[in-house]
Amino acid sequence: MESADRITVRLIMPDRWLEHVMELSTGTSVADVKALGLREILQRSSDDPADFYVEYSERGIADESQTLGEVGVETRGVMSIRAYDLGHNRRFKG
């Protein structure tokens, strides 16, 4: 049974037709969710999380230091993990 500070989140990689369901604390950062999700979904640890970005409610999350609670992720929420590619470039830093 879920407690008030834990939620069930469905992580998907739509481009690869993969998904994984996790129970996480609302205090978990988006960056940690992305790293955990990549390992669980792809079943390997060689992928660099910096090569991917996260969406919630079809919007990219720019500040991955935010927690699930700060982003507003509710239980049974769906978060997408997508690779940066030609259509989804990294933000310019410089």
Protein backbone atom coordinates (compact mmCIF):
# COMPACT_ATOMS: atom_id res chain seq x y z
CA MET A 1 0.00 0.00 0.00
CA GLU A 2 1.28 3.47 -0.90
CA SER A 3 2.07 6.00 1.80
CA ALA A 4 1.52 9.74 1.42
CA ASP A 5 5.09 10.38 0.30
CA ARG A 6 5.31 7.48 -2.18
CA ILE A 7 3.71 7.27 -5.60
CA THR A 8 3.59 4.78 -8.43
CA VAL A 9 5.08 6.18 -11.63
CA ARG A 10 4.96 4.63 -15.09
CA LEU A 11 8.17 5.36 -17.01
CA ILE A 12 8.03 4.92 -20.75
CA MET A 13 10.45 5.15 -23.65
CA PRO A 14 7.92 5.68 -26.45
CA ASP A 15 10.52 5.61 -29.23
CA ARG A 16 11.48 2.06 -28.17
CA TRP A 17 8.06 0.82 -27.02
CA LEU A 18 9.40 0.09 -23.53
CA GLU A 19 8.01 0.82 -20.08
CA HIS A 20 8.61 0.16 -16.40
CA VAL A 21 6.48 0.87 -13.32
CA MET A 22 8.21 2.05 -10.14
CA GLU A 23 7.14 3.11 -6.67
CA LEU A 24 9.12 6.21 -5.70
CA SER A 25 9.22 8.89 -3.04
CA THR A 26 7.76 12.26 -4.03
CA GLY A 27 11.14 13.64 -2.91
CA THR A 28 13.01 11.77 -5.68
CA SER A 29 14.63 14.14 -8.17
CA VAL A 30 13.76 13.93 -11.86
CA ALA A 31 17.45 13.29 -12.58
CA ASP A 32 17.40 10.26 -10.26
CA VAL A 33 14.16 9.00 -11.82
CA LYS A 34 15.75 9.26 -15.26
CA ALA A 35 18.90 7.38 -14.20
CA LEU A 36 16.90 4.65 -12.40
CA GLY A 37 14.46 4.38 -15.29
CA LEU A 38 17.20 3.99 -17.89
CA ARG A 39 18.82 1.16 -15.92
CA GLU A 40 15.50 -0.62 -15.33
CA ILE A 41 14.03 -0.14 -18.80
CA LEU A 42 17.16 -0.86 -20.84
CA GLN A 43 18.59 -3.45 -18.41
CA ARG A 44 22.10 -1.99 -18.62
CA SER A 45 24.07 0.76 -16.96
CA SER A 46 26.18 1.92 -19.90
CA ASP A 47 23.77 4.64 -21.11
CA ASP A 48 24.63 8.22 -20.15
CA PRO A 49 21.57 9.92 -18.61
CA ALA A 50 22.80 13.22 -20.13
CA ASP A 51 21.89 11.79 -23.54
CA PHE A 52 18.20 11.71 -22.52
CA TYR A 53 15.54 14.13 -21.32
CA VAL A 54 12.31 13.64 -19.38
CA GLU A 55 8.76 14.75 -20.16
CA TYR A 56 5.73 14.87 -17.89
CA SER A 57 2.31 15.78 -19.27
CA GLU A 58 3.96 16.06 -22.70
CA ARG A 59 6.26 18.87 -21.52
CA GLY A 60 10.01 18.63 -21.17
CA ILE A 61 11.34 19.12 -17.65
CA ALA A 62 14.18 21.64 -17.93
CA ASP A 63 15.26 21.54 -14.28
CA GLU A 64 15.90 17.90 -13.44
CA SER A 65 16.92 18.79 -9.89
CA GLN A 66 13.21 19.25 -9.13
CA THR A 67 11.50 16.48 -7.20
CA LEU A 68 8.50 14.53 -8.39
CA GLY A 69 6.41 16.47 -5.88
CA GLU A 70 7.66 19.83 -7.18
CA VAL A 71 6.87 18.83 -10.76
CA GLY A 72 3.39 17.75 -9.69
CA VAL A 73 3.66 14.08 -10.62
CA GLU A 74 0.70 12.21 -9.18
CA THR A 75 0.37 8.53 -8.48
CA ARG A 76 -0.01 6.53 -11.67
CA GLY A 77 1.55 9.44 -13.53
CA VAL A 78 3.38 8.76 -16.78
CA MET A 79 6.84 10.15 -17.44
CA SER A 80 8.57 9.78 -20.80
CA ILE A 81 12.31 9.30 -21.15
CA ARG A 82 13.47 10.30 -24.62
CA ALA A 83 16.84 10.45 -26.32
CA TYR A 84 18.11 13.76 -27.63
CA ASP A 85 18.11 13.59 -31.42
CA LEU A 86 17.73 15.85 -34.46
CA GLY A 87 14.22 16.88 -33.44
CA HIS A 88 15.00 17.28 -29.74
CA ASN A 89 18.25 19.14 -29.24
CA ARG A 90 19.93 19.85 -25.92
CA ARG A 91 19.61 23.39 -24.60
CA PHE A 92 22.47 25.63 -25.70
CA LYS A 93 24.74 26.38 -22.75
CA GLY A 94 27.18 29.10 -23.65
